[in-house]
């Protein structure tokens, strides 16, 4: 694997101009999860609550040379999130999935 990363990928990347190479990064945000440790407790752990698994997925995409950045894609579970109640326009693309995961359908809609 390291040999391919050092030698193989360089040859592949050299065949394309930097304006033709997109970098896509997908990350999950567990927005209701409490920190694992708290600085106010000497023991260093937070006990008593069940860990929340509520999350959204965010996808960021840009061209290698930085000349073009696609709008942020957010995948959530709610069809109409309460935080969007009075929002008329949204500067990001919002998709719905019952697991809040990125799917191939969202990816193809996102890249077009």
Protein backbone atom coordinates (compact mmCIF):
# COMPACT_ATOMS: atom_id res chain seq x y z
CA UNK A 1 0.00 0.00 0.00
CA UNK A 2 2.73 2.48 0.91
CA UNK A 3 4.55 1.65 -2.33
CA UNK A 4 1.44 2.52 -4.34
CA UNK A 5 0.95 5.76 -2.39
CA UNK A 6 4.57 6.79 -2.99
CA UNK A 7 4.88 5.71 -6.62
CA UNK A 8 1.56 4.72 -8.19
CA UNK A 9 -0.60 7.67 -7.22
CA UNK A 10 2.04 10.14 -8.39
CA UNK A 11 1.89 8.71 -11.92
CA UNK A 12 -1.91 8.82 -11.93
CA UNK A 13 -2.02 12.43 -10.68
CA UNK A 14 0.57 13.56 -13.21
CA UNK A 15 -1.79 12.57 -16.04
CA UNK A 16 -4.34 15.23 -14.99
CA UNK A 17 -4.20 18.98 -14.58
CA UNK A 18 -4.78 20.26 -11.01
CA UNK A 19 -8.04 21.92 -12.16
CA UNK A 20 -9.39 18.45 -13.10
CA UNK A 21 -8.79 16.79 -9.70
CA UNK A 22 -11.51 17.10 -7.05
CA UNK A 23 -11.04 16.27 -3.39
CA UNK A 24 -14.18 15.10 -1.58
CA UNK A 25 -14.27 14.78 2.20
CA UNK A 26 -17.15 13.25 4.14
CA UNK A 27 -17.49 13.62 7.89
CA UNK A 28 -20.08 12.85 10.52
CA UNK A 29 -21.12 15.32 13.19
CA UNK A 30 -22.57 13.86 16.40
CA UNK A 31 -24.16 17.12 17.49
CA UNK A 32 -25.91 15.82 20.64
CA UNK A 33 -23.00 13.80 22.03
CA UNK A 34 -21.52 14.97 25.31
CA UNK A 35 -17.73 15.03 25.71
CA UNK A 36 -16.09 11.82 26.93
CA UNK A 37 -14.30 13.60 29.77
CA UNK A 38 -15.05 16.81 31.63
CA UNK A 39 -12.40 19.09 33.03
CA UNK A 40 -14.54 19.94 36.07
CA UNK A 41 -14.50 16.34 37.35
CA UNK A 42 -11.30 14.90 38.78
CA UNK A 43 -12.21 11.40 37.61
CA UNK A 44 -12.21 12.60 34.00
CA UNK A 45 -15.40 10.81 32.93
CA UNK A 46 -19.01 11.89 32.53
CA UNK A 47 -21.44 9.29 33.84
CA UNK A 48 -25.19 8.92 34.06
CA UNK A 49 -26.36 9.54 30.51
CA UNK A 50 -26.80 7.27 27.54
CA UNK A 51 -24.64 8.39 24.62
CA UNK A 52 -26.60 10.09 21.86
CA UNK A 53 -26.16 8.79 18.32
CA UNK A 54 -27.96 11.70 16.62
CA UNK A 55 -25.81 12.81 13.72
CA UNK A 56 -25.64 14.56 10.38
CA UNK A 57 -23.20 13.95 7.55
CA UNK A 58 -21.39 16.84 5.87
CA UNK A 59 -19.64 16.57 2.51
CA UNK A 60 -17.07 19.13 1.38
CA UNK A 61 -15.62 19.22 -2.14
CA UNK A 62 -13.05 21.44 -3.86
CA UNK A 63 -10.72 21.39 -6.86
CA UNK A 64 -7.05 20.68 -6.16
CA UNK A 65 -5.90 24.15 -7.27
CA UNK A 66 -8.58 25.85 -5.13
CA UNK A 67 -10.33 27.74 -7.93
CA UNK A 68 -13.71 26.08 -7.41
CA UNK A 69 -15.45 24.95 -4.24
CA UNK A 70 -18.78 23.15 -4.38
CA UNK A 71 -21.47 24.12 -1.87
CA UNK A 72 -21.59 22.12 1.34
CA UNK A 73 -23.83 19.04 1.26
CA UNK A 74 -25.55 18.09 4.52
CA UNK A 75 -27.40 14.79 4.94
CA UNK A 76 -29.81 14.62 7.86
CA UNK A 77 -32.71 12.53 9.13
CA UNK A 78 -35.46 15.15 9.37
CA UNK A 79 -37.55 16.15 6.41
CA UNK A 80 -38.19 19.60 7.89
CA UNK A 81 -35.72 20.32 10.71
CA UNK A 82 -36.99 22.85 13.25
CA UNK A 83 -33.83 24.92 12.86
CA UNK A 84 -34.88 25.66 9.24
CA UNK A 85 -38.37 26.92 10.21
CA UNK A 86 -37.95 30.58 9.22
CA UNK A 87 -35.13 30.08 6.71
CA UNK A 88 -36.07 31.27 3.22
CA UNK A 89 -32.83 30.34 1.41
CA UNK A 90 -30.14 27.91 2.41
CA UNK A 91 -26.57 28.27 1.16
CA UNK A 92 -26.05 24.52 1.41
CA UNK A 93 -27.68 21.51 -0.17
CA UNK A 94 -29.73 19.46 2.32
CA UNK A 95 -30.72 15.83 1.66
CA UNK A 96 -32.78 13.40 3.74
CA UNK A 97 -31.90 9.84 4.68
CA UNK A 98 -33.26 7.83 7.63
CA UNK A 99 -29.70 7.01 8.73
CA UNK A 100 -28.17 10.40 7.74
CA UNK A 101 -25.57 8.59 5.64
CA UNK A 102 -24.15 9.63 2.29
CA UNK A 103 -25.41 7.44 -0.57
CA UNK A 104 -24.38 7.12 -4.20
CA UNK A 105 -27.61 8.86 -5.27
CA UNK A 106 -26.74 11.92 -3.18
CA UNK A 107 -23.19 11.89 -4.50
CA UNK A 108 -24.27 11.92 -8.14
CA UNK A 109 -26.81 14.70 -7.46
CA UNK A 110 -24.12 16.63 -5.58
CA UNK A 111 -21.46 16.51 -8.28
CA UNK A 112 -23.76 17.67 -11.09
